[in-house]
Amino acid sequence: ALRDAVAALQRGEVLGMFPESTIN
């Protein structure tokens, strides 16, 4: 997932993330 995310960023995309990875 990190590889795919970095590739998307390198294409100029905006990525959304939930660092807690689940609903708190």
PDB file of all heavy atoms in Angstrom:
ATOM      1  N   ALA A   1       0.838  -1.206   0.000  1.00  0.00           N
ATOM      2  CA  ALA A   1       0.000   0.000   0.000  1.00  0.00           C
ATOM      3  C   ALA A   1       0.868   1.249   0.000  1.00  0.00           C
ATOM      4  O   ALA A   1       0.542   2.241  -0.668  1.00  0.00           O
ATOM      5  CB  ALA A   1      -0.932   0.000   1.211  1.00  0.00           C
ATOM      6  N   LEU A   2       1.977   1.214   0.729  1.00  0.00           N
ATOM      7  CA  LEU A   2       2.881   2.368   0.773  1.00  0.00           C
ATOM      8  C   LEU A   2       3.450   2.650  -0.610  1.00  0.00           C
ATOM      9  O   LEU A   2       3.507   3.806  -1.045  1.00  0.00           O
ATOM     10  CB  LEU A   2       4.018   2.118   1.774  1.00  0.00           C
ATOM     11  CG  LEU A   2       5.052   3.234   1.906  1.00  0.00           C
ATOM     12  CD1 LEU A   2       4.410   4.508   2.421  1.00  0.00           C
ATOM     13  CD2 LEU A   2       6.190   2.801   2.838  1.00  0.00           C
ATOM     14  N   ARG A   3       3.835   1.599  -1.309  1.00  0.00           N
ATOM     15  CA  ARG A   3       4.371   1.765  -2.671  1.00  0.00           C
ATOM     16  C   ARG A   3       3.345   2.400  -3.593  1.00  0.00           C
ATOM     17  O   ARG A   3       3.646   3.347  -4.334  1.00  0.00           O
ATOM     18  CB  ARG A   3       4.776   0.390  -3.208  1.00  0.00           C
ATOM     19  CG  ARG A   3       5.320   0.391  -4.649  1.00  0.00           C
ATOM     20  CD  ARG A   3       5.229  -0.993  -5.240  1.00  0.00           C
ATOM     21  NE  ARG A   3       3.848  -1.448  -5.302  1.00  0.00           N
ATOM     22  CZ  ARG A   3       3.453  -2.701  -5.072  1.00  0.00           C
ATOM     23  NH1 ARG A   3       4.326  -3.628  -4.727  1.00  0.00           N
ATOM     24  NH2 ARG A   3       2.174  -3.019  -5.175  1.00  0.00           N
ATOM     25  N   ASP A   4       2.107   1.895  -3.563  1.00  0.00           N
ATOM     26  CA  ASP A   4       1.053   2.435  -4.426  1.00  0.00           C
ATOM     27  C   ASP A   4       0.727   3.880  -4.054  1.00  0.00           C
ATOM     28  O   ASP A   4       0.465   4.713  -4.934  1.00  0.00           O
ATOM     29  CB  ASP A   4      -0.208   1.579  -4.316  1.00  0.00           C
ATOM     30  CG  ASP A   4      -0.011   0.167  -4.867  1.00  0.00           C
ATOM     31  OD1 ASP A   4       0.949  -0.037  -5.634  1.00  0.00           O
ATOM     32  OD2 ASP A   4      -0.807  -0.720  -4.504  1.00  0.00           O
ATOM     33  N   ALA A   5       0.744   4.181  -2.753  1.00  0.00           N
ATOM     34  CA  ALA A   5       0.442   5.535  -2.301  1.00  0.00           C
ATOM     35  C   ALA A   5       1.518   6.518  -2.747  1.00  0.00           C
ATOM     36  O   ALA A   5       1.207   7.621  -3.229  1.00  0.00           O
ATOM     37  CB  ALA A   5       0.310   5.559  -0.784  1.00  0.00           C
ATOM     38  N   VAL A   6       2.769   6.139  -2.604  1.00  0.00           N
ATOM     39  CA  VAL A   6       3.870   7.018  -3.013  1.00  0.00           C
ATOM     40  C   VAL A   6       3.825   7.253  -4.519  1.00  0.00           C
ATOM     41  O   VAL A   6       4.041   8.383  -4.993  1.00  0.00           O
ATOM     42  CB  VAL A   6       5.226   6.432  -2.584  1.00  0.00           C
ATOM     43  CG1 VAL A   6       6.378   7.231  -3.191  1.00  0.00           C
ATOM     44  CG2 VAL A   6       5.347   6.415  -1.064  1.00  0.00           C
ATOM     45  N   ALA A   7       3.504   6.210  -5.281  1.00  0.00           N
ATOM     46  CA  ALA A   7       3.393   6.367  -6.730  1.00  0.00           C
ATOM     47  C   ALA A   7       2.289   7.364  -7.083  1.00  0.00           C
ATOM     48  O   ALA A   7       2.449   8.198  -7.991  1.00  0.00           O
ATOM     49  CB  ALA A   7       3.119   5.012  -7.379  1.00  0.00           C
ATOM     50  N   ALA A   8       1.158   7.294  -6.372  1.00  0.00           N
ATOM     51  CA  ALA A   8       0.059   8.237  -6.616  1.00  0.00           C
ATOM     52  C   ALA A   8       0.481   9.661  -6.271  1.00  0.00           C
ATOM     53  O   ALA A   8       0.164  10.615  -7.001  1.00  0.00           O
ATOM     54  CB  ALA A   8      -1.168   7.838  -5.802  1.00  0.00           C
ATOM     55  N   LEU A   9       1.199   9.824  -5.171  1.00  0.00           N
ATOM     56  CA  LEU A   9       1.686  11.156  -4.787  1.00  0.00           C
ATOM     57  C   LEU A   9       2.649  11.693  -5.833  1.00  0.00           C
ATOM     58  O   LEU A   9       2.625  12.885  -6.176  1.00  0.00           O
ATOM     59  CB  LEU A   9       2.371  11.090  -3.423  1.00  0.00           C
ATOM     60  CG  LEU A   9       1.449  10.862  -2.218  1.00  0.00           C
ATOM     61  CD1 LEU A   9       2.263  10.560  -0.971  1.00  0.00           C
ATOM     62  CD2 LEU A   9       0.549  12.074  -1.981  1.00  0.00           C
ATOM     63  N   GLN A  10       3.483  10.835  -6.361  1.00  0.00           N
ATOM     64  CA  GLN A  10       4.444  11.273  -7.370  1.00  0.00           C
ATOM     65  C   GLN A  10       3.752  11.684  -8.662  1.00  0.00           C
ATOM     66  O   GLN A  10       4.322  12.431  -9.464  1.00  0.00           O
ATOM     67  CB  GLN A  10       5.470  10.163  -7.624  1.00  0.00           C
ATOM     68  CG  GLN A  10       6.414   9.951  -6.443  1.00  0.00           C
ATOM     69  CD  GLN A  10       7.302   8.728  -6.593  1.00  0.00           C
ATOM     70  OE1 GLN A  10       6.987   7.798  -7.356  1.00  0.00           O
ATOM     71  NE2 GLN A  10       8.405   8.701  -5.879  1.00  0.00           N
ATOM     72  N   ARG A  11       2.520  11.223  -8.845  1.00  0.00           N
ATOM     73  CA  ARG A  11       1.719  11.660 -10.000  1.00  0.00           C
ATOM     74  C   ARG A  11       0.981  12.956  -9.692  1.00  0.00           C
ATOM     75  O   ARG A  11       0.250  13.477 -10.532  1.00  0.00           O
ATOM     76  CB  ARG A  11       0.697  10.582 -10.383  1.00  0.00           C
ATOM     77  CG  ARG A  11       1.299   9.293 -10.906  1.00  0.00           C
ATOM     78  CD  ARG A  11       0.233   8.429 -11.563  1.00  0.00           C
ATOM     79  NE  ARG A  11      -0.840   8.062 -10.648  1.00  0.00           N
ATOM     80  CZ  ARG A  11      -0.849   6.961  -9.898  1.00  0.00           C
ATOM     81  NH1 ARG A  11       0.193   6.136  -9.929  1.00  0.00           N
ATOM     82  NH2 ARG A  11      -1.870   6.696  -9.110  1.00  0.00           N
ATOM     83  N   GLY A  12       1.133  13.473  -8.455  1.00  0.00           N
ATOM     84  CA  GLY A  12       0.494  14.732  -8.089  1.00  0.00           C
ATOM     85  C   GLY A  12      -0.861  14.589  -7.444  1.00  0.00           C
ATOM     86  O   GLY A  12      -1.604  15.574  -7.318  1.00  0.00           O
ATOM     87  N   GLU A  13      -1.212  13.383  -6.974  1.00  0.00           N
ATOM     88  CA  GLU A  13      -2.514  13.161  -6.359  1.00  0.00           C
ATOM     89  C   GLU A  13      -2.546  13.652  -4.907  1.00  0.00           C
ATOM     90  O   GLU A  13      -1.505  13.790  -4.257  1.00  0.00           O
ATOM     91  CB  GLU A  13      -2.857  11.666  -6.368  1.00  0.00           C
ATOM     92  CG  GLU A  13      -2.936  11.046  -7.754  1.00  0.00           C
ATOM     93  CD  GLU A  13      -4.233  11.375  -8.477  1.00  0.00           C
ATOM     94  OE1 GLU A  13      -5.014  12.206  -7.971  1.00  0.00           O
ATOM     95  OE2 GLU A  13      -4.474  10.785  -9.546  1.00  0.00           O
ATOM     96  N   VAL A  14      -3.768  13.888  -4.414  1.00  0.00           N
ATOM     97  CA  VAL A  14      -4.002  14.157  -2.992  1.00  0.00           C
ATOM     98  C   VAL A  14      -4.568  12.885  -2.378  1.00  0.00           C
ATOM     99  O   VAL A  14      -5.575  12.355  -2.851  1.00  0.00           O
ATOM    100  CB  VAL A  14      -4.995  15.315  -2.786  1.00  0.00           C
ATOM    101  CG1 VAL A  14      -5.305  15.488  -1.300  1.00  0.00           C
ATOM    102  CG2 VAL A  14      -4.428  16.605  -3.345  1.00  0.00           C
ATOM    103  N   LEU A  15      -3.914  12.384  -1.330  1.00  0.00           N
ATOM    104  CA  LEU A  15      -4.360  11.162  -0.673  1.00  0.00           C
ATOM    105  C   LEU A  15      -4.987  11.486   0.673  1.00  0.00           C
ATOM    106  O   LEU A  15      -4.540  12.393   1.374  1.00  0.00           O
ATOM    107  CB  LEU A  15      -3.180  10.207  -0.468  1.00  0.00           C
ATOM    108  CG  LEU A  15      -2.439   9.731  -1.717  1.00  0.00           C
ATOM    109  CD1 LEU A  15      -1.429   8.657  -1.347  1.00  0.00           C
ATOM    110  CD2 LEU A  15      -3.410   9.222  -2.778  1.00  0.00           C
ATOM    111  N   GLY A  16      -6.011  10.724   1.026  1.00  0.00           N
ATOM    112  CA  GLY A  16      -6.650  10.859   2.333  1.00  0.00           C
ATOM    113  C   GLY A  16      -6.312   9.664   3.198  1.00  0.00           C
ATOM    114  O   GLY A  16      -6.327   8.521   2.725  1.00  0.00           O
ATOM    115  N   MET A  17      -6.003   9.921   4.463  1.00  0.00           N
ATOM    116  CA  MET A  17      -5.577   8.862   5.381  1.00  0.00           C
ATOM    117  C   MET A  17      -6.244   9.028   6.743  1.00  0.00           C
ATOM    118  O   MET A  17      -6.439  10.151   7.210  1.00  0.00           O
ATOM    119  CB  MET A  17      -4.056   8.915   5.584  1.00  0.00           C
ATOM    120  CG  MET A  17      -3.254   8.195   4.514  1.00  0.00           C
ATOM    121  SD  MET A  17      -3.295   6.414   4.742  1.00  0.00           S
ATOM    122  CE  MET A  17      -2.418   6.249   6.307  1.00  0.00           C
ATOM    123  N   PHE A  18      -6.549   7.904   7.368  1.00  0.00           N
ATOM    124  CA  PHE A  18      -6.985   7.881   8.761  1.00  0.00           C
ATOM    125  C   PHE A  18      -5.871   7.211   9.558  1.00  0.00           C
ATOM    126  O   PHE A  18      -5.810   5.974   9.630  1.00  0.00           O
ATOM    127  CB  PHE A  18      -8.294   7.095   8.915  1.00  0.00           C
ATOM    128  CG  PHE A  18      -9.441   7.654   8.109  1.00  0.00           C
ATOM    129  CD1 PHE A  18      -9.917   6.980   6.996  1.00  0.00           C
ATOM    130  CD2 PHE A  18     -10.027   8.854   8.466  1.00  0.00           C
ATOM    131  CE1 PHE A  18     -10.963   7.487   6.256  1.00  0.00           C
ATOM    132  CE2 PHE A  18     -11.075   9.380   7.730  1.00  0.00           C
ATOM    133  CZ  PHE A  18     -11.558   8.698   6.616  1.00  0.00           C
ATOM    134  N   PRO A  19      -4.965   7.985  10.137  1.00  0.00           N
ATOM    135  CA  PRO A  19      -3.800   7.392  10.813  1.00  0.00           C
ATOM    136  C   PRO A  19      -4.150   6.400  11.911  1.00  0.00           C
ATOM    137  O   PRO A  19      -3.376   5.478  12.183  1.00  0.00           O
ATOM    138  CB  PRO A  19      -3.066   8.611  11.394  1.00  0.00           C
ATOM    139  CG  PRO A  19      -3.483   9.743  10.523  1.00  0.00           C
ATOM    140  CD  PRO A  19      -4.901   9.457  10.150  1.00  0.00           C
ATOM    141  N   GLU A  20      -5.324   6.570  12.544  1.00  0.00           N
ATOM    142  CA  GLU A  20      -5.719   5.617  13.588  1.00  0.00           C
ATOM    143  C   GLU A  20      -6.149   4.282  12.987  1.00  0.00           C
ATOM    144  O   GLU A  20      -6.269   3.291  13.709  1.00  0.00           O
ATOM    145  CB  GLU A  20      -6.848   6.199  14.425  1.00  0.00           C
ATOM    146  CG  GLU A  20      -6.463   7.438  15.206  1.00  0.00           C
ATOM    147  CD  GLU A  20      -7.678   8.126  15.804  1.00  0.00           C
ATOM    148  OE1 GLU A  20      -8.334   8.913  15.087  1.00  0.00           O
ATOM    149  OE2 GLU A  20      -7.963   7.873  16.983  1.00  0.00           O
ATOM    150  N   SER A  21      -6.410   4.277  11.689  1.00  0.00           N
ATOM    151  CA  SER A  21      -6.738   3.087  10.887  1.00  0.00           C
ATOM    152  C   SER A  21      -8.093   2.458  11.216  1.00  0.00           C
ATOM    153  O   SER A  21      -8.498   1.489  10.580  1.00  0.00           O
ATOM    154  CB  SER A  21      -5.639   2.018  10.999  1.00  0.00           C
ATOM    155  OG  SER A  21      -5.695   1.316  12.220  1.00  0.00           O
ATOM    156  N   THR A  22      -8.818   2.996  12.156  1.00  0.00           N
ATOM    157  CA  THR A  22     -10.150   2.501  12.485  1.00  0.00           C
ATOM    158  C   THR A  22     -10.938   3.608  13.174  1.00  0.00           C
ATOM    159  O   THR A  22     -10.350   4.586  13.660  1.00  0.00           O
ATOM    160  CB  THR A  22     -10.078   1.273  13.412  1.00  0.00           C
ATOM    161  OG1 THR A  22     -11.379   0.697  13.554  1.00  0.00           O
ATOM    162  CG2 THR A  22      -9.548   1.649  14.808  1.00  0.00           C
ATOM    163  N   ILE A  23     -12.254   3.469  13.198  1.00  0.00           N
ATOM    164  CA  ILE A  23     -13.087   4.436  13.916  1.00  0.00           C
ATOM    165  C   ILE A  23     -12.800   4.340  15.401  1.00  0.00           C
ATOM    166  O   ILE A  23     -12.796   3.262  15.985  1.00  0.00           O
ATOM    167  CB  ILE A  23     -14.576   4.181  13.632  1.00  0.00           C
ATOM    168  CG1 ILE A  23     -14.905   4.535  12.175  1.00  0.00           C
ATOM    169  CG2 ILE A  23     -15.462   4.986  14.583  1.00  0.00           C
ATOM    170  CD1 ILE A  23     -16.329   4.192  11.761  1.00  0.00           C
ATOM    171  N   ASN A  24     -12.543   5.489  16.019  1.00  0.00           N
ATOM    172  CA  ASN A  24     -12.251   5.541  17.439  1.00  0.00           C
ATOM    173  C   ASN A  24     -13.558   5.744  18.200  1.00  0.00           C
ATOM    174  O   ASN A  24     -14.187   6.789  18.118  1.00  0.00           O
ATOM    175  CB  ASN A  24     -11.282   6.687  17.733  1.00  0.00           C
ATOM    176  CG  ASN A  24     -10.721   6.629  19.132  1.00  0.00           C
ATOM    177  OD1 ASN A  24     -11.435   6.316  20.077  1.00  0.00           O
ATOM    178  ND2 ASN A  24      -9.441   6.938  19.276  1.00  0.00           N
TER     179      ASN A  24
END
